[in-house]
């Protein structure tokens, strides 16, 4: 049945990981970029909570279990830990949905992200084939009110809006 009106969908995604010890050699990766002023995140993958939150937002629209099955298989069976691969797979699952906008909030005491917000937006736009104007990122320190605000890890939330093509 053909619809005479657009169908919009909104997905919400969240992800969080604790930091590894300071002597870990794993890099802290957010939106595909490396941050040197924080230890890596405790995860089987690179722990990119930004890319993971976007994957989870897409999953809430498509119902495709990207992180719970596809990414787990890639990590454990094939040794692929780059979250960009998972995000690309999630993007493929959208099929007849076109992303209109992505809004991301990151809560962390560290690393300092302000100077890398534009490069993070650019990276997300590049991976998802979007215009940078379709990607918004805001960061908050959490003011010590949660584990993330106390510097124990990083949490990211994503709201993603699509329109059916």
Protein backbone atom coordinates (compact mmCIF):
# COMPACT_ATOMS: atom_id res chain seq x y z
CA UNK A 1 0.00 0.00 0.00
CA UNK A 2 1.49 3.34 -1.08
CA UNK A 3 1.51 6.09 1.52
CA UNK A 4 0.81 9.67 0.48
CA UNK A 5 2.76 11.10 3.41
CA UNK A 6 6.31 10.71 4.71
CA UNK A 7 6.99 8.29 7.55
CA UNK A 8 9.45 9.55 10.12
CA UNK A 9 11.09 7.31 12.70
CA UNK A 10 13.21 8.22 15.70
CA UNK A 11 15.68 5.90 17.36
CA UNK A 12 17.38 6.32 20.70
CA UNK A 13 20.70 4.66 21.46
CA UNK A 14 23.02 4.61 24.46
CA UNK A 15 26.37 3.06 25.22
CA UNK A 16 28.91 3.33 28.01
CA UNK A 17 32.25 1.82 28.98
CA UNK A 18 34.66 2.17 31.88
CA UNK A 19 38.23 3.27 31.34
CA UNK A 20 41.02 0.71 31.45
CA UNK A 21 43.94 1.27 33.83
CA UNK A 22 46.30 4.15 33.07
CA UNK A 23 49.07 1.75 32.06
CA UNK A 24 46.95 0.17 29.31
CA UNK A 25 48.27 0.74 25.80
CA UNK A 26 44.78 0.77 24.26
CA UNK A 27 43.78 4.16 22.81
CA UNK A 28 40.61 6.03 23.74
CA UNK A 29 38.54 6.16 20.54
CA UNK A 30 35.46 8.39 20.13
CA UNK A 31 33.67 8.84 16.78
CA UNK A 32 36.59 7.07 15.14
CA UNK A 33 39.17 9.55 16.49
CA UNK A 34 41.93 8.87 19.00
CA UNK A 35 42.12 10.89 22.23
CA UNK A 36 45.53 10.82 23.90
CA UNK A 37 44.49 12.42 27.21
CA UNK A 38 42.47 9.42 28.43
CA UNK A 39 43.05 5.68 28.68
CA UNK A 40 41.27 3.25 26.39
CA UNK A 41 37.82 1.92 27.18
CA UNK A 42 37.13 -1.55 28.57
CA UNK A 43 35.45 -3.35 25.68
CA UNK A 44 36.04 -6.24 23.29
CA UNK A 45 36.06 -3.69 20.46
CA UNK A 46 37.73 -0.28 20.48
CA UNK A 47 34.92 0.77 22.85
CA UNK A 48 33.81 3.73 20.72
CA UNK A 49 30.70 4.72 22.70
CA UNK A 50 29.75 7.35 20.10
CA UNK A 51 29.63 4.87 17.20
CA UNK A 52 28.00 2.27 19.47
CA UNK A 53 25.23 4.68 20.55
CA UNK A 54 24.50 5.43 16.87
CA UNK A 55 24.38 1.68 16.14
CA UNK A 56 21.91 1.22 18.99
CA UNK A 57 19.74 4.11 17.74
CA UNK A 58 19.64 2.51 14.29
CA UNK A 59 18.79 -0.85 15.87
CA UNK A 60 15.82 0.74 17.63
CA UNK A 61 14.49 1.65 14.16
CA UNK A 62 15.46 -1.44 12.14
CA UNK A 63 15.44 -4.12 14.87
CA UNK A 64 18.70 -5.47 13.38
CA UNK A 65 20.85 -6.68 16.33
CA UNK A 66 24.11 -5.08 15.21
CA UNK A 67 26.07 -4.85 18.46
CA UNK A 68 24.54 -7.88 20.17
CA UNK A 69 25.26 -10.33 17.35
CA UNK A 70 27.09 -8.97 14.30
CA UNK A 71 29.72 -6.99 16.21
CA UNK A 72 30.18 -9.75 18.78
CA UNK A 73 30.88 -12.21 15.95
CA UNK A 74 33.35 -9.81 14.31
CA UNK A 75 35.21 -9.23 17.59
CA UNK A 76 35.34 -12.79 18.89
CA UNK A 77 35.56 -14.82 15.69
CA UNK A 78 37.37 -12.50 13.28
CA UNK A 79 39.31 -10.15 15.55
CA UNK A 80 37.77 -7.01 14.01
CA UNK A 81 37.54 -4.37 16.75
CA UNK A 82 37.06 -1.17 14.71
CA UNK A 83 33.58 0.13 15.55
CA UNK A 84 33.41 1.89 12.19
CA UNK A 85 32.78 -1.56 10.65
CA UNK A 86 29.82 -2.09 12.99
CA UNK A 87 28.42 1.36 12.21
CA UNK A 88 28.65 0.72 8.47
CA UNK A 89 26.74 -2.55 8.94
CA UNK A 90 24.07 -0.76 11.00
CA UNK A 91 23.79 1.91 8.29
CA UNK A 92 23.19 -0.83 5.68
CA UNK A 93 20.30 -2.17 7.77
CA UNK A 94 18.36 1.11 7.31
CA UNK A 95 17.46 0.02 3.75
CA UNK A 96 14.56 2.32 2.79
CA UNK A 97 15.18 4.82 5.60
CA UNK A 98 17.19 8.00 5.01
CA UNK A 99 18.87 9.62 8.00
CA UNK A 100 17.66 13.20 8.52
CA UNK A 101 19.53 14.11 11.69
CA UNK A 102 21.71 12.65 14.44
CA UNK A 103 22.02 14.27 17.88
CA UNK A 104 24.65 12.93 20.27
CA UNK A 105 25.36 13.80 23.88
CA UNK A 106 28.55 12.56 25.50
CA UNK A 107 29.02 12.55 29.28
CA UNK A 108 32.60 12.30 30.48
CA UNK A 109 34.98 14.08 32.82
CA UNK A 110 37.77 13.15 30.41
CA UNK A 111 39.07 13.34 27.73
CA UNK A 112 38.71 16.98 26.81
CA UNK A 113 36.63 16.92 23.62
CA UNK A 114 35.75 20.52 22.81
CA UNK A 115 38.49 20.95 20.18
CA UNK A 116 37.57 17.68 18.46
CA UNK A 117 33.79 18.14 18.18
CA UNK A 118 33.99 19.34 14.56
CA UNK A 119 36.32 16.50 13.47
CA UNK A 120 34.00 14.01 15.23
CA UNK A 121 30.99 15.46 13.38
CA UNK A 122 32.93 15.22 10.11
CA UNK A 123 33.88 11.58 10.74
CA UNK A 124 30.29 10.57 11.55
CA UNK A 125 29.02 12.41 8.47
CA UNK A 126 31.65 10.71 6.31
CA UNK A 127 30.88 7.18 7.56
CA UNK A 128 27.10 7.65 7.21
CA UNK A 129 27.27 9.63 3.94
CA UNK A 130 25.61 12.69 5.47
CA UNK A 131 26.13 16.41 5.31
CA UNK A 132 27.90 17.64 8.45
CA UNK A 133 24.86 19.85 9.18
CA UNK A 134 22.92 16.65 9.89
CA UNK A 135 25.18 15.72 12.83
CA UNK A 136 25.08 17.45 16.20
CA UNK A 137 27.30 16.70 19.19
CA UNK A 138 27.22 18.14 22.66
CA UNK A 139 29.44 17.19 25.59
CA UNK A 140 28.99 17.50 29.32
CA UNK A 141 31.39 16.83 32.17
CA UNK A 142 28.65 15.43 34.40
CA UNK A 143 29.94 17.55 37.31
CA UNK A 144 30.87 14.50 39.36
CA UNK A 145 27.27 13.32 39.71
CA UNK A 146 27.69 9.92 38.00
CA UNK A 147 30.54 7.47 37.41
CA UNK A 148 31.06 9.20 34.06
CA UNK A 149 31.08 12.63 35.68
CA UNK A 150 33.63 11.33 38.19
CA UNK A 151 35.98 10.25 35.38
CA UNK A 152 35.48 6.48 35.57
CA UNK A 153 34.30 6.09 31.97
CA UNK A 154 32.34 7.59 29.11
CA UNK A 155 28.64 7.48 28.24
CA UNK A 156 27.00 8.53 24.97
CA UNK A 157 23.37 8.98 23.97
CA UNK A 158 22.11 9.30 20.41
CA UNK A 159 18.78 10.34 18.91
CA UNK A 160 18.54 9.56 15.23
CA UNK A 161 15.70 10.61 12.94
CA UNK A 162 14.94 8.99 9.58
CA UNK A 163 12.40 9.41 6.83
CA UNK A 164 11.13 6.51 4.72
CA UNK A 165 12.21 6.90 1.12
